[in-house]
């Protein structure tokens, strides 16, 4: 996650999903934004422009959650959000009544660590993860919101771009919590193939011994296509599955689909 994406059309779907899951399950929620600074991870694009939906609502998103839509419009006006990502910060979401959660918003960056100090980067990441776990360890469900999703095999954990990903080793700390993981879609791979690949790696690795029941994956179709991989532990599964079924019976069904 980057501050400049706050409140964009992709975030609207994210907030909406989390709001329904929180409301319908009554489970406690923790959020780790996996916050990055674009200048520290080598991003040179001008992403962050997708907030005009709040003006035009040409996709009828307000029908999905009028309260959420109006709260974001109020934040946009109050903080003078613009299409260049200016004046937008995740703390603006944390500070209101958008989602009842505990938030971890420390930036993850190797910016101040020399590129040759690989071990220092690993130690830095481990310390960052420990701070996150210490804050969120009492929550039932943890939402992880990296820029891109689960690490690809081509990215090293000490790479400049590594903070944009959840690495499989990051998940070792979440032993008794359900997980929701953001996953960016790729143009050269179908969402079905991407889901299969990600789940294979998760269950071959950090989740292989977990008491997990019936993973669900939702695709959001507004803005850039993205997936939400919802991994409930057994004692939460019934509540979470019912909440997803409810979610997909509402106007959100026109913007999300269940990936088979």
C-alpha atoms as a PDB file:
ATOM      1  CA  UNK A   1       0.000   0.000   0.000  1.00  0.00           C
ATOM      2  CA  UNK A   2       1.088   3.549  -0.693  1.00  0.00           C
ATOM      3  CA  UNK A   3      -0.440   6.726   0.716  1.00  0.00           C
ATOM      4  CA  UNK A   4      -1.208   8.030  -2.778  1.00  0.00           C
ATOM      5  CA  UNK A   5      -3.690   5.166  -3.365  1.00  0.00           C
ATOM      6  CA  UNK A   6      -5.794   6.080  -0.340  1.00  0.00           C
ATOM      7  CA  UNK A   7      -9.471   6.287  -1.239  1.00  0.00           C
ATOM      8  CA  UNK A   8      -9.057   5.362  -4.906  1.00  0.00           C
ATOM      9  CA  UNK A   9     -11.495   3.099  -6.747  1.00  0.00           C
ATOM     10  CA  UNK A  10      -9.494   0.032  -5.795  1.00  0.00           C
ATOM     11  CA  UNK A  11      -9.547   1.009  -2.146  1.00  0.00           C
ATOM     12  CA  UNK A  12     -13.302   1.514  -2.268  1.00  0.00           C
ATOM     13  CA  UNK A  13     -13.757  -2.187  -2.988  1.00  0.00           C
ATOM     14  CA  UNK A  14     -11.230  -3.123  -0.318  1.00  0.00           C
ATOM     15  CA  UNK A  15     -12.911  -1.044   2.354  1.00  0.00           C
ATOM     16  CA  UNK A  16     -16.334  -2.349   1.334  1.00  0.00           C
ATOM     17  CA  UNK A  17     -15.262  -5.981   1.600  1.00  0.00           C
ATOM     18  CA  UNK A  18     -13.622  -5.474   4.987  1.00  0.00           C
ATOM     19  CA  UNK A  19     -16.635  -3.566   6.311  1.00  0.00           C
ATOM     20  CA  UNK A  20     -19.025  -6.390   5.428  1.00  0.00           C
ATOM     21  CA  UNK A  21     -16.741  -9.104   6.793  1.00  0.00           C
ATOM     22  CA  UNK A  22     -16.270  -7.159  10.030  1.00  0.00           C
ATOM     23  CA  UNK A  23     -19.959  -6.376  10.423  1.00  0.00           C
ATOM     24  CA  UNK A  24     -21.307  -9.839   9.612  1.00  0.00           C
ATOM     25  CA  UNK A  25     -18.738 -11.960  11.467  1.00  0.00           C
ATOM     26  CA  UNK A  26     -18.193  -9.730  14.518  1.00  0.00           C
ATOM     27  CA  UNK A  27     -14.573 -10.921  14.450  1.00  0.00           C
ATOM     28  CA  UNK A  28     -11.853  -8.445  15.384  1.00  0.00           C
ATOM     29  CA  UNK A  29      -9.704  -7.124  12.562  1.00  0.00           C
ATOM     30  CA  UNK A  30      -6.059  -6.112  12.283  1.00  0.00           C
ATOM     31  CA  UNK A  31      -4.616  -4.363   9.232  1.00  0.00           C
ATOM     32  CA  UNK A  32      -0.989  -4.288   8.154  1.00  0.00           C
ATOM     33  CA  UNK A  33      -0.823  -1.860   5.258  1.00  0.00           C
ATOM     34  CA  UNK A  34       2.654  -3.019   4.189  1.00  0.00           C
ATOM     35  CA  UNK A  35       3.119   0.700   3.668  1.00  0.00           C
ATOM     36  CA  UNK A  36       5.777   1.757   1.169  1.00  0.00           C
ATOM     37  CA  UNK A  37       7.057   5.030  -0.253  1.00  0.00           C
ATOM     38  CA  UNK A  38       7.153   4.885  -4.082  1.00  0.00           C
ATOM     39  CA  UNK A  39      10.515   6.675  -4.178  1.00  0.00           C
ATOM     40  CA  UNK A  40      12.028   4.028  -1.889  1.00  0.00           C
ATOM     41  CA  UNK A  41      10.887   1.008  -3.924  1.00  0.00           C
ATOM     42  CA  UNK A  42      11.726   2.335  -7.381  1.00  0.00           C
ATOM     43  CA  UNK A  43       8.218   3.225  -8.564  1.00  0.00           C
ATOM     44  CA  UNK A  44       8.244   5.931 -11.225  1.00  0.00           C
ATOM     45  CA  UNK A  45       4.633   5.887 -12.398  1.00  0.00           C
ATOM     46  CA  UNK A  46       1.912   8.407 -11.597  1.00  0.00           C
ATOM     47  CA  UNK A  47      -0.521   5.965 -10.024  1.00  0.00           C
ATOM     48  CA  UNK A  48      -3.110   7.380  -7.684  1.00  0.00           C
ATOM     49  CA  UNK A  49      -5.371   9.133 -10.158  1.00  0.00           C
ATOM     50  CA  UNK A  50      -8.414   6.884  -9.776  1.00  0.00           C
ATOM     51  CA  UNK A  51     -10.539   9.017  -7.445  1.00  0.00           C
ATOM     52  CA  UNK A  52     -12.845  10.620 -10.013  1.00  0.00           C
ATOM     53  CA  UNK A  53     -15.387   7.846  -9.333  1.00  0.00           C
ATOM     54  CA  UNK A  54     -16.313   9.873  -6.241  1.00  0.00           C
ATOM     55  CA  UNK A  55     -17.428  12.706  -8.520  1.00  0.00           C
ATOM     56  CA  UNK A  56     -19.154  10.790 -11.309  1.00  0.00           C
ATOM     57  CA  UNK A  57     -20.053   7.384  -9.804  1.00  0.00           C
ATOM     58  CA  UNK A  58     -20.404   6.047 -13.318  1.00  0.00           C
ATOM     59  CA  UNK A  59     -20.131   2.469 -12.028  1.00  0.00           C
ATOM     60  CA  UNK A  60     -22.929   2.994  -9.451  1.00  0.00           C
ATOM     61  CA  UNK A  61     -20.585   2.085  -6.613  1.00  0.00           C
ATOM     62  CA  UNK A  62     -22.499   4.235  -4.149  1.00  0.00           C
ATOM     63  CA  UNK A  63     -25.323   1.687  -4.274  1.00  0.00           C
ATOM     64  CA  UNK A  64     -22.962  -0.861  -2.703  1.00  0.00           C
ATOM     65  CA  UNK A  65     -22.257   1.164   0.436  1.00  0.00           C
ATOM     66  CA  UNK A  66     -23.690   4.687   0.562  1.00  0.00           C
ATOM     67  CA  UNK A  67     -22.192   5.473   3.950  1.00  0.00           C
ATOM     68  CA  UNK A  68     -18.699   4.480   2.814  1.00  0.00           C
ATOM     69  CA  UNK A  69     -19.018   6.420  -0.445  1.00  0.00           C
ATOM     70  CA  UNK A  70     -20.141   9.569   1.359  1.00  0.00           C
ATOM     71  CA  UNK A  71     -17.419   9.288   4.029  1.00  0.00           C
ATOM     72  CA  UNK A  72     -14.745   9.053   1.348  1.00  0.00           C
ATOM     73  CA  UNK A  73     -16.209  12.038  -0.468  1.00  0.00           C
ATOM     74  CA  UNK A  74     -16.056  13.991   2.775  1.00  0.00           C
ATOM     75  CA  UNK A  75     -12.415  12.991   3.298  1.00  0.00           C
ATOM     76  CA  UNK A  76     -11.658  13.987  -0.286  1.00  0.00           C
ATOM     77  CA  UNK A  77     -13.123  17.449   0.241  1.00  0.00           C
ATOM     78  CA  UNK A  78     -11.687  18.010   3.713  1.00  0.00           C
ATOM     79  CA  UNK A  79      -8.154  16.928   2.824  1.00  0.00           C
ATOM     80  CA  UNK A  80      -8.164  18.269  -0.759  1.00  0.00           C
ATOM     81  CA  UNK A  81      -7.294  14.961  -2.378  1.00  0.00           C
ATOM     82  CA  UNK A  82      -6.202  15.238  -5.987  1.00  0.00           C
ATOM     83  CA  UNK A  83      -5.512  12.862  -8.865  1.00  0.00           C
ATOM     84  CA  UNK A  84      -1.754  13.100  -8.288  1.00  0.00           C
ATOM     85  CA  UNK A  85      -2.053  11.442  -4.881  1.00  0.00           C
ATOM     86  CA  UNK A  86      -1.421  14.633  -2.927  1.00  0.00           C
ATOM     87  CA  UNK A  87      -2.765  15.006   0.631  1.00  0.00           C
ATOM     88  CA  UNK A  88      -3.773  11.358   0.836  1.00  0.00           C
ATOM     89  CA  UNK A  89      -2.617   9.176   3.747  1.00  0.00           C
ATOM     90  CA  UNK A  90      -3.717   5.847   5.200  1.00  0.00           C
ATOM     91  CA  UNK A  91      -4.050   7.508   8.603  1.00  0.00           C
ATOM     92  CA  UNK A  92      -7.079   9.384   7.223  1.00  0.00           C
ATOM     93  CA  UNK A  93      -8.816   6.020   6.877  1.00  0.00           C
ATOM     94  CA  UNK A  94      -7.686   4.850  10.296  1.00  0.00           C
ATOM     95  CA  UNK A  95      -8.866   7.963  12.050  1.00  0.00           C
ATOM     96  CA  UNK A  96     -12.540   7.732  11.107  1.00  0.00           C
ATOM     97  CA  UNK A  97     -15.325   5.206  11.313  1.00  0.00           C
ATOM     98  CA  UNK A  98     -14.666   3.581   7.943  1.00  0.00           C
ATOM     99  CA  UNK A  99     -13.382   0.256   9.321  1.00  0.00           C
ATOM    100  CA  UNK A 100     -13.248  -0.795  12.969  1.00  0.00           C
ATOM    101  CA  UNK A 101      -9.730  -2.236  13.136  1.00  0.00           C
ATOM    102  CA  UNK A 102      -6.294  -1.971  14.689  1.00  0.00           C
ATOM    103  CA  UNK A 103      -3.811  -0.642  12.128  1.00  0.00           C
ATOM    104  CA  UNK A 104      -0.078  -1.101  11.684  1.00  0.00           C
ATOM    105  CA  UNK A 105       1.234   1.693   9.475  1.00  0.00           C
ATOM    106  CA  UNK A 106       5.025   1.659   9.844  1.00  0.00           C
ATOM    107  CA  UNK A 107       6.673   2.010   6.452  1.00  0.00           C
ATOM    108  CA  UNK A 108       8.665  -0.979   5.213  1.00  0.00           C
ATOM    109  CA  UNK A 109      11.749   0.234   3.388  1.00  0.00           C
ATOM    110  CA  UNK A 110      15.433  -0.611   2.895  1.00  0.00           C
ATOM    111  CA  UNK A 111      16.087   2.947   1.755  1.00  0.00           C
ATOM    112  CA  UNK A 112      18.645   3.760   4.472  1.00  0.00           C
ATOM    113  CA  UNK A 113      20.442   0.397   4.315  1.00  0.00           C
ATOM    114  CA  UNK A 114      23.392   0.040   1.903  1.00  0.00           C
ATOM    115  CA  UNK A 115      22.621  -2.394  -0.905  1.00  0.00           C
ATOM    116  CA  UNK A 116      25.551  -4.597   0.109  1.00  0.00           C
ATOM    117  CA  UNK A 117      24.186  -5.104   3.659  1.00  0.00           C
ATOM    118  CA  UNK A 118      21.869  -7.995   2.827  1.00  0.00           C
ATOM    119  CA  UNK A 119      21.744  -9.359   6.369  1.00  0.00           C
ATOM    120  CA  UNK A 120      20.905  -5.915   7.744  1.00  0.00           C
ATOM    121  CA  UNK A 121      17.884  -5.811   5.426  1.00  0.00           C
ATOM    122  CA  UNK A 122      16.663  -9.177   6.681  1.00  0.00           C
ATOM    123  CA  UNK A 123      17.094  -8.091  10.309  1.00  0.00           C
ATOM    124  CA  UNK A 124      15.269  -4.831   9.546  1.00  0.00           C
ATOM    125  CA  UNK A 125      12.332  -6.687   7.977  1.00  0.00           C
ATOM    126  CA  UNK A 126      12.158  -9.148  10.880  1.00  0.00           C
ATOM    127  CA  UNK A 127      12.037  -6.259  13.367  1.00  0.00           C
ATOM    128  CA  UNK A 128       9.270  -4.599  11.326  1.00  0.00           C
ATOM    129  CA  UNK A 129       7.288  -7.861  11.297  1.00  0.00           C
ATOM    130  CA  UNK A 130       7.715  -8.263  15.047  1.00  0.00           C
ATOM    131  CA  UNK A 131       6.338  -4.768  15.665  1.00  0.00           C
ATOM    132  CA  UNK A 132       3.366  -5.615  13.473  1.00  0.00           C
ATOM    133  CA  UNK A 133       2.746  -8.889  15.275  1.00  0.00           C
ATOM    134  CA  UNK A 134       3.046  -7.293  18.714  1.00  0.00           C
ATOM    135  CA  UNK A 135       0.360  -4.776  17.757  1.00  0.00           C
ATOM    136  CA  UNK A 136      -2.024  -7.141  15.929  1.00  0.00           C
ATOM    137  CA  UNK A 137      -1.574 -10.428  17.811  1.00  0.00           C
ATOM    138  CA  UNK A 138      -4.914 -10.124  19.611  1.00  0.00           C
ATOM    139  CA  UNK A 139      -6.957  -9.750  16.416  1.00  0.00           C
ATOM    140  CA  UNK A 140      -9.026 -12.619  14.968  1.00  0.00           C
ATOM    141  CA  UNK A 141      -8.469 -11.701  11.307  1.00  0.00           C
ATOM    142  CA  UNK A 142      -5.392 -10.060   9.782  1.00  0.00           C
ATOM    143  CA  UNK A 143      -5.552  -8.194   6.473  1.00  0.00           C
ATOM    144  CA  UNK A 144      -2.217  -7.856   4.653  1.00  0.00           C
ATOM    145  CA  UNK A 145      -2.181  -5.142   1.985  1.00  0.00           C
ATOM    146  CA  UNK A 146       1.099  -5.202   0.023  1.00  0.00           C
ATOM    147  CA  UNK A 147       1.453  -3.267  -3.218  1.00  0.00           C
ATOM    148  CA  UNK A 148       1.702  -6.413  -5.314  1.00  0.00           C
ATOM    149  CA  UNK A 149       0.811  -9.500  -3.265  1.00  0.00           C
ATOM    150  CA  UNK A 150       2.740 -12.684  -2.548  1.00  0.00           C
ATOM    151  CA  UNK A 151       6.418 -12.642  -3.501  1.00  0.00           C
ATOM    152  CA  UNK A 152       7.246 -13.877  -7.004  1.00  0.00           C
ATOM    153  CA  UNK A 153      10.191 -16.228  -7.352  1.00  0.00           C
ATOM    154  CA  UNK A 154      12.072 -13.498  -9.242  1.00  0.00           C
ATOM    155  CA  UNK A 155      12.243 -11.106  -6.249  1.00  0.00           C
ATOM    156  CA  UNK A 156      14.775 -11.587  -3.461  1.00  0.00           C
ATOM    157  CA  UNK A 157      13.827 -10.668   0.104  1.00  0.00           C
ATOM    158  CA  UNK A 158      16.696  -8.144   0.068  1.00  0.00           C
ATOM    159  CA  UNK A 159      15.669  -6.539  -3.229  1.00  0.00           C
ATOM    160  CA  UNK A 160      14.774  -2.866  -3.279  1.00  0.00           C
ATOM    161  CA  UNK A 161      11.275  -3.900  -4.364  1.00  0.00           C
ATOM    162  CA  UNK A 162      10.857  -6.595  -1.682  1.00  0.00           C
ATOM    163  CA  UNK A 163       8.746  -4.318   0.578  1.00  0.00           C
ATOM    164  CA  UNK A 164       6.050  -4.400  -2.141  1.00  0.00           C
ATOM    165  CA  UNK A 165       5.402  -8.080  -1.384  1.00  0.00           C
ATOM    166  CA  UNK A 166       4.335 -10.432   1.377  1.00  0.00           C
ATOM    167  CA  UNK A 167       7.068 -13.048   1.571  1.00  0.00           C
ATOM    168  CA  UNK A 168       6.132 -16.569   2.559  1.00  0.00           C
ATOM    169  CA  UNK A 169       8.398 -16.300   5.587  1.00  0.00           C
ATOM    170  CA  UNK A 170       6.393 -13.264   6.759  1.00  0.00           C
ATOM    171  CA  UNK A 171       3.395 -15.513   7.390  1.00  0.00           C
ATOM    172  CA  UNK A 172       5.076 -17.727   9.982  1.00  0.00           C
ATOM    173  CA  UNK A 173       3.985 -15.392  12.785  1.00  0.00           C
ATOM    174  CA  UNK A 174       0.247 -15.766  12.061  1.00  0.00           C
ATOM    175  CA  UNK A 175      -0.471 -19.104  13.731  1.00  0.00           C
ATOM    176  CA  UNK A 176      -4.011 -18.749  15.105  1.00  0.00           C
ATOM    177  CA  UNK A 177      -5.450 -15.986  12.949  1.00  0.00           C
ATOM    178  CA  UNK A 178      -7.447 -15.984   9.750  1.00  0.00           C
ATOM    179  CA  UNK A 179      -5.798 -14.080   6.906  1.00  0.00           C
ATOM    180  CA  UNK A 180      -6.910 -11.901   4.016  1.00  0.00           C
ATOM    181  CA  UNK A 181      -4.130 -11.192   1.522  1.00  0.00           C
ATOM    182  CA  UNK A 182      -4.221  -8.666  -1.313  1.00  0.00           C
ATOM    183  CA  UNK A 183      -2.921 -10.037  -4.610  1.00  0.00           C
ATOM    184  CA  UNK A 184      -2.359  -7.945  -7.723  1.00  0.00           C
ATOM    185  CA  UNK A 185      -3.444  -9.544 -11.006  1.00  0.00           C
ATOM    186  CA  UNK A 186      -0.986 -10.036 -13.855  1.00  0.00           C
ATOM    187  CA  UNK A 187      -1.648  -9.452 -17.536  1.00  0.00           C
ATOM    188  CA  UNK A 188       0.165 -12.602 -18.623  1.00  0.00           C
ATOM    189  CA  UNK A 189      -1.649 -14.973 -16.259  1.00  0.00           C
ATOM    190  CA  UNK A 190      -5.327 -15.750 -15.730  1.00  0.00           C
ATOM    191  CA  UNK A 191      -6.726 -15.132 -12.275  1.00  0.00           C
ATOM    192  CA  UNK A 192      -7.553 -18.842 -11.994  1.00  0.00           C
ATOM    193  CA  UNK A 193      -3.944 -19.775 -12.721  1.00  0.00           C
ATOM    194  CA  UNK A 194      -2.654 -17.066 -10.390  1.00  0.00           C
ATOM    195  CA  UNK A 195      -4.888 -18.270  -7.571  1.00  0.00           C
ATOM    196  CA  UNK A 196      -3.784 -21.873  -8.067  1.00  0.00           C
ATOM    197  CA  UNK A 197      -0.107 -20.902  -8.073  1.00  0.00           C
ATOM    198  CA  UNK A 198      -0.368 -18.702  -4.978  1.00  0.00           C
ATOM    199  CA  UNK A 199      -2.347 -21.259  -2.965  1.00  0.00           C
ATOM    200  CA  UNK A 200       0.050 -24.058  -3.938  1.00  0.00           C
ATOM    201  CA  UNK A 201       2.989 -22.046  -2.632  1.00  0.00           C
ATOM    202  CA  UNK A 202       1.155 -21.018   0.544  1.00  0.00           C
ATOM    203  CA  UNK A 203       0.094 -24.530   1.462  1.00  0.00           C
ATOM    204  CA  UNK A 204       3.395 -26.067   0.507  1.00  0.00           C
ATOM    205  CA  UNK A 205       5.088 -23.527   2.740  1.00  0.00           C
ATOM    206  CA  UNK A 206       3.911 -21.489   5.748  1.00  0.00           C
ATOM    207  CA  UNK A 207       0.289 -22.690   5.868  1.00  0.00           C
ATOM    208  CA  UNK A 208       0.894 -26.436   5.429  1.00  0.00           C
ATOM    209  CA  UNK A 209       0.287 -27.292   9.096  1.00  0.00           C
ATOM    210  CA  UNK A 210      -2.475 -24.757   9.804  1.00  0.00           C
ATOM    211  CA  UNK A 211      -6.061 -25.648  10.693  1.00  0.00           C
ATOM    212  CA  UNK A 212      -7.534 -23.906   7.639  1.00  0.00           C
ATOM    213  CA  UNK A 213     -10.875 -24.591   5.988  1.00  0.00           C
ATOM    214  CA  UNK A 214     -12.058 -23.680   2.487  1.00  0.00           C
ATOM    215  CA  UNK A 215     -10.073 -20.739   1.160  1.00  0.00           C
ATOM    216  CA  UNK A 216     -12.124 -18.274  -0.888  1.00  0.00           C
ATOM    217  CA  UNK A 217     -10.725 -15.870  -3.478  1.00  0.00           C
ATOM    218  CA  UNK A 218     -12.597 -12.781  -4.649  1.00  0.00           C
ATOM    219  CA  UNK A 219     -11.692 -10.712  -7.705  1.00  0.00           C
ATOM    220  CA  UNK A 220     -12.509  -7.002  -7.772  1.00  0.00           C
ATOM    221  CA  UNK A 221     -13.099  -5.632 -11.248  1.00  0.00           C
ATOM    222  CA  UNK A 222     -12.944  -1.837 -10.848  1.00  0.00           C
ATOM    223  CA  UNK A 223      -9.693  -0.059 -11.592  1.00  0.00           C
ATOM    224  CA  UNK A 224      -6.860  -2.558 -11.869  1.00  0.00           C
ATOM    225  CA  UNK A 225      -8.037  -6.142 -11.423  1.00  0.00           C
ATOM    226  CA  UNK A 226      -7.055  -7.503  -8.025  1.00  0.00           C
ATOM    227  CA  UNK A 227      -7.681 -10.529  -5.850  1.00  0.00           C
ATOM    228  CA  UNK A 228      -8.448 -10.950  -2.173  1.00  0.00           C
ATOM    229  CA  UNK A 229      -7.376 -14.348  -0.861  1.00  0.00           C
ATOM    230  CA  UNK A 230      -9.429 -15.121   2.240  1.00  0.00           C
ATOM    231  CA  UNK A 231      -7.905 -17.856   4.413  1.00  0.00           C
ATOM    232  CA  UNK A 232     -10.081 -18.727   7.426  1.00  0.00           C
ATOM    233  CA  UNK A 233      -8.912 -20.926  10.259  1.00  0.00           C
ATOM    234  CA  UNK A 234     -11.438 -23.628  11.087  1.00  0.00           C
ATOM    235  CA  UNK A 235     -13.109 -21.894  14.038  1.00  0.00           C
ATOM    236  CA  UNK A 236     -13.795 -18.766  11.933  1.00  0.00           C
ATOM    237  CA  UNK A 237     -14.730 -20.493   8.676  1.00  0.00           C
ATOM    238  CA  UNK A 238     -18.497 -20.677   9.145  1.00  0.00           C
ATOM    239  CA  UNK A 239     -18.843 -16.996   9.982  1.00  0.00           C
ATOM    240  CA  UNK A 240     -16.498 -15.865   7.217  1.00  0.00           C
ATOM    241  CA  UNK A 241     -18.134 -18.024   4.530  1.00  0.00           C
ATOM    242  CA  UNK A 242     -21.600 -16.758   5.475  1.00  0.00           C
ATOM    243  CA  UNK A 243     -20.334 -13.170   5.329  1.00  0.00           C
ATOM    244  CA  UNK A 244     -18.869 -13.736   1.848  1.00  0.00           C
ATOM    245  CA  UNK A 245     -22.135 -15.314   0.670  1.00  0.00           C
ATOM    246  CA  UNK A 246     -24.023 -12.291   1.980  1.00  0.00           C
ATOM    247  CA  UNK A 247     -21.530  -9.894   0.345  1.00  0.00           C
ATOM    248  CA  UNK A 248     -22.022 -11.577  -3.023  1.00  0.00           C
ATOM    249  CA  UNK A 249     -25.806 -11.251  -2.716  1.00  0.00           C
ATOM    250  CA  UNK A 250     -25.652  -7.455  -2.452  1.00  0.00           C
ATOM    251  CA  UNK A 251     -24.925  -4.846  -5.167  1.00  0.00           C
ATOM    252  CA  UNK A 252     -21.237  -5.660  -4.634  1.00  0.00           C
ATOM    253  CA  UNK A 253     -21.844  -8.732  -6.840  1.00  0.00           C
ATOM    254  CA  UNK A 254     -21.676  -6.436  -9.878  1.00  0.00           C
ATOM    255  CA  UNK A 255     -18.090  -5.502  -8.999  1.00  0.00           C
ATOM    256  CA  UNK A 256     -16.680  -8.682  -7.453  1.00  0.00           C
ATOM    257  CA  UNK A 257     -16.642 -12.296  -8.554  1.00  0.00           C
ATOM    258  CA  UNK A 258     -15.680 -15.534  -6.830  1.00  0.00           C
ATOM    259  CA  UNK A 259     -12.639 -17.090  -8.481  1.00  0.00           C
ATOM    260  CA  UNK A 260     -13.193 -20.814  -9.012  1.00  0.00           C
END
